[in-house]
Amino acid sequence: MGIVYRELRDDDVEQGLDLQRRVFGFSETELISTHILKMLVRKKPPMGVVVGAFMVDGIESRLIGLMVGFATFQERSVYLPLGGVLPE
């Protein structure tokens, strides 16, 4: 068992929504939506980054942390509006 950090993929987005609800208590209207997360995950053109911390146990993994960043117009600069880890 260990923690792996990687960019989210399309199939991780639902876990990202659940993590926002659990960590921040966000309502459905406060969530960074599925559409926004998928836009950032697909990166064509690069719009930002979504990185997850996954607890890995054998072949099973679950999202325990999330960081979302949006590209800015400043070179080498990213706006990070959201970052959190499950309290347990």
C-alpha atoms as a PDB file:
ATOM      1  CA  MET A   1       0.000   0.000   0.000  1.00  0.00           C
ATOM      2  CA  GLY A   2       1.279   3.480  -0.849  1.00  0.00           C
ATOM      3  CA  ILE A   3       0.470   6.882  -2.309  1.00  0.00           C
ATOM      4  CA  VAL A   4       0.937   7.663  -5.988  1.00  0.00           C
ATOM      5  CA  TYR A   5       0.692  11.177  -7.465  1.00  0.00           C
ATOM      6  CA  ARG A   6      -0.411  11.558 -11.076  1.00  0.00           C
ATOM      7  CA  GLU A   7      -2.508  13.636 -13.392  1.00  0.00           C
ATOM      8  CA  LEU A   8      -6.169  12.671 -13.420  1.00  0.00           C
ATOM      9  CA  ARG A   9      -7.642  10.846 -16.383  1.00  0.00           C
ATOM     10  CA  ASP A  10     -11.215  10.987 -17.672  1.00  0.00           C
ATOM     11  CA  ASP A  11     -12.171   7.929 -15.629  1.00  0.00           C
ATOM     12  CA  ASP A  12     -10.961   9.625 -12.400  1.00  0.00           C
ATOM     13  CA  VAL A  13     -13.210  12.691 -12.697  1.00  0.00           C
ATOM     14  CA  GLU A  14     -16.142  11.262 -10.710  1.00  0.00           C
ATOM     15  CA  GLN A  15     -13.787  10.574  -7.799  1.00  0.00           C
ATOM     16  CA  GLY A  16     -12.645  14.212  -8.100  1.00  0.00           C
ATOM     17  CA  LEU A  17     -16.225  15.423  -7.697  1.00  0.00           C
ATOM     18  CA  ASP A  18     -16.767  13.167  -4.685  1.00  0.00           C
ATOM     19  CA  LEU A  19     -13.550  14.395  -3.071  1.00  0.00           C
ATOM     20  CA  GLN A  20     -14.665  18.034  -3.454  1.00  0.00           C
ATOM     21  CA  ARG A  21     -17.935  17.201  -1.704  1.00  0.00           C
ATOM     22  CA  ARG A  22     -16.236  15.318   1.145  1.00  0.00           C
ATOM     23  CA  VAL A  23     -13.287  17.659   1.788  1.00  0.00           C
ATOM     24  CA  PHE A  24     -14.924  21.046   1.223  1.00  0.00           C
ATOM     25  CA  GLY A  25     -18.604  20.233   1.725  1.00  0.00           C
ATOM     26  CA  PHE A  26     -19.347  21.727  -1.694  1.00  0.00           C
ATOM     27  CA  SER A  27     -22.883  21.661  -3.024  1.00  0.00           C
ATOM     28  CA  GLU A  28     -23.496  20.668  -6.635  1.00  0.00           C
ATOM     29  CA  THR A  29     -23.361  24.326  -7.731  1.00  0.00           C
ATOM     30  CA  GLU A  30     -20.018  24.955  -5.978  1.00  0.00           C
ATOM     31  CA  LEU A  31     -18.133  22.004  -7.504  1.00  0.00           C
ATOM     32  CA  ILE A  32     -15.514  22.434 -10.196  1.00  0.00           C
ATOM     33  CA  SER A  33     -17.727  20.595 -12.655  1.00  0.00           C
ATOM     34  CA  THR A  34     -17.181  17.417 -14.627  1.00  0.00           C
ATOM     35  CA  HIS A  35     -16.921  19.482 -17.812  1.00  0.00           C
ATOM     36  CA  ILE A  36     -14.213  21.780 -16.425  1.00  0.00           C
ATOM     37  CA  LEU A  37     -12.217  18.899 -14.933  1.00  0.00           C
ATOM     38  CA  LYS A  38     -12.382  16.950 -18.212  1.00  0.00           C
ATOM     39  CA  MET A  39     -11.314  20.031 -20.181  1.00  0.00           C
ATOM     40  CA  LEU A  40      -8.256  20.366 -17.933  1.00  0.00           C
ATOM     41  CA  VAL A  41      -7.522  16.628 -18.005  1.00  0.00           C
ATOM     42  CA  ARG A  42      -7.582  16.389 -21.807  1.00  0.00           C
ATOM     43  CA  LYS A  43      -5.093  19.274 -22.233  1.00  0.00           C
ATOM     44  CA  LYS A  44      -5.618  20.021 -25.916  1.00  0.00           C
ATOM     45  CA  PRO A  45      -4.740  22.876 -25.866  1.00  0.00           C
ATOM     46  CA  PRO A  46      -3.185  22.970 -22.369  1.00  0.00           C
ATOM     47  CA  MET A  47      -5.621  24.807 -20.087  1.00  0.00           C
ATOM     48  CA  GLY A  48      -4.318  23.763 -16.677  1.00  0.00           C
ATOM     49  CA  VAL A  49      -3.560  20.734 -14.569  1.00  0.00           C
ATOM     50  CA  VAL A  50      -5.452  18.336 -12.307  1.00  0.00           C
ATOM     51  CA  VAL A  51      -3.231  16.184 -10.090  1.00  0.00           C
ATOM     52  CA  GLY A  52      -4.470  13.527  -7.734  1.00  0.00           C
ATOM     53  CA  ALA A  53      -2.994  11.658  -4.803  1.00  0.00           C
ATOM     54  CA  PHE A  54      -4.129   8.041  -4.968  1.00  0.00           C
ATOM     55  CA  MET A  55      -3.948   5.482  -2.183  1.00  0.00           C
ATOM     56  CA  VAL A  56      -2.902   2.312  -3.996  1.00  0.00           C
ATOM     57  CA  ASP A  57      -3.476  -1.144  -2.548  1.00  0.00           C
ATOM     58  CA  GLY A  58      -2.599  -3.853  -5.075  1.00  0.00           C
ATOM     59  CA  ILE A  59      -4.616  -3.140  -8.209  1.00  0.00           C
ATOM     60  CA  GLU A  60      -7.148  -0.956  -6.361  1.00  0.00           C
ATOM     61  CA  SER A  61      -6.655   2.796  -6.035  1.00  0.00           C
ATOM     62  CA  ARG A  62      -8.766   5.607  -4.625  1.00  0.00           C
ATOM     63  CA  LEU A  63      -8.390   9.351  -4.832  1.00  0.00           C
ATOM     64  CA  ILE A  64      -7.445  10.865  -1.459  1.00  0.00           C
ATOM     65  CA  GLY A  65      -6.128  14.270  -2.567  1.00  0.00           C
ATOM     66  CA  LEU A  66      -6.699  16.702  -5.416  1.00  0.00           C
ATOM     67  CA  MET A  67      -5.037  19.832  -6.806  1.00  0.00           C
ATOM     68  CA  VAL A  68      -6.581  21.854  -9.640  1.00  0.00           C
ATOM     69  CA  GLY A  69      -4.663  24.568 -11.475  1.00  0.00           C
ATOM     70  CA  PHE A  70      -5.567  26.823 -14.390  1.00  0.00           C
ATOM     71  CA  ALA A  71      -3.088  28.246 -16.894  1.00  0.00           C
ATOM     72  CA  THR A  72      -2.557  32.010 -16.768  1.00  0.00           C
ATOM     73  CA  PHE A  73      -1.238  34.525 -19.266  1.00  0.00           C
ATOM     74  CA  GLN A  74       1.982  34.891 -17.298  1.00  0.00           C
ATOM     75  CA  GLU A  75       4.789  32.598 -18.394  1.00  0.00           C
ATOM     76  CA  ARG A  76       5.323  29.623 -16.047  1.00  0.00           C
ATOM     77  CA  SER A  77       2.426  30.669 -13.845  1.00  0.00           C
ATOM     78  CA  VAL A  78      -0.578  28.608 -12.738  1.00  0.00           C
ATOM     79  CA  TYR A  79      -3.585  29.758 -10.698  1.00  0.00           C
ATOM     80  CA  LEU A  80      -4.384  27.106  -8.052  1.00  0.00           C
ATOM     81  CA  PRO A  81      -7.957  27.675  -6.820  1.00  0.00           C
ATOM     82  CA  LEU A  82      -8.422  24.251  -5.234  1.00  0.00           C
ATOM     83  CA  GLY A  83      -6.326  21.766  -3.305  1.00  0.00           C
ATOM     84  CA  GLY A  84      -7.323  19.344  -0.584  1.00  0.00           C
ATOM     85  CA  VAL A  85      -6.805  15.955   1.041  1.00  0.00           C
ATOM     86  CA  LEU A  86      -9.299  13.702   2.784  1.00  0.00           C
ATOM     87  CA  PRO A  87      -8.989  14.177   6.556  1.00  0.00           C
ATOM     88  CA  GLU A  88      -8.757  10.483   7.358  1.00  0.00           C
END
